[in-house]
Amino acid sequence: MPLPHDKAFKKLLETFFQEFIELFFPELDSMLDYSETRFLMQELLVDIVGEEARELDLLLEIRYKGLDGYILIHLEPQSYRDSRFHERMFIYFSRLFERYRKEHKLIIPIAIFTSDEIREEQDTLEMVIPEHQILRFQFLKVELRKQNWRRFIDSDNAVAAALLAKMGYTTREARDVRREFLRMFMKLKTRLDQGRLALVMSVADLYFKPDRAQDEEIIKELMIQYPEEGEAIMELMPAWKRWGYEEGIAEGIEQGIEKGIEQGIERGIEQGVEKGQAEIIRKLLLHGFTPEEVSKAVELPVEKIKKLM
């Protein structure tokens, strides 16, 4: 069972904040000094005024080169339709300005729209009278469904891989999207630790519709196309113990790869799973996941997770 969407998405932004900015806001990226970044603690965040009390999703402090000082960046994912969302963003901004204006010269609000619908999200709040503009507030936004997935398939950006299935594509392209995700994930395995890889896979699995037969075919294709990466490819799915791959093949990893091509990946590679499982669990725990969340991600009993701790 995957992690709840909001929590998984928040962890993705926390872990890969720089990659997120690089991917969607390259001009802003050039102005930020990531060596001095600090996420503000939850209790420091502000609440919306009125009857509905809410905390900001993510608020961080970072050095901005243009001002030679620190600024605030507010990230707010939005997964459902809300005709007054732009007003809520302004209230958040005004409260942040009220509280932090003496210490921070700039506040940048960013909304990430993850809805399945393709629509133009309102990103401004204006107040005007004839011949005079009283207020014009506009936040930065990313509308994932409006992003063409093909733009990102040659990227080695972890956020691009995690969100590929949330971008714009047709039903006919769905299999190609899944194939490219697995190929991108294979590349990420060479430079990310197991904890971060597990996070990317967890978020991606929120948006992909599992299709065991299709994944078997795709991984076989990748093994033929990238024979030197055979072992790494075979570990893509068993590492997360999906669809009962844990039954394994007693002959071991090398023989398992050979038989996997002929017999299908559904039998899995037990040795490969066991070898990486403890490390994956350790990394997930180090990245702030609770034993219960790890249990859902790797499909093991909570008691076993706590024992491994």
Foldseek 3Di string as FASTA:
>chain_A
DFDPQLVLVLLLCVVQVLLVCVVPPVVQSVFWDVVDKAKDDQVPFAFFDDDDTDGFSTKMWTAGNVVRAIAIEGEHEDADDDLCVLVRQVRRVVVCCVVCVVRHVYYAYEYEYQYLDDDDDDFWDWDDDPPDTPDIDGHHYHDQQADDLVVPLVPLRLVSLLCSLSYHDDPVCLLVSVLSSLVSLLVNVVPDFLQSSLSSVSSNVVRRDDDQVSLQVSLLVVCVVCVVCQLSSLCPPLLLCPPNLLQADVVARVVLSVVCNVPNSSVGHNVSNVVCNLRNLVSNVVSPDDLVNSCVRSVHDSVVSVVSD
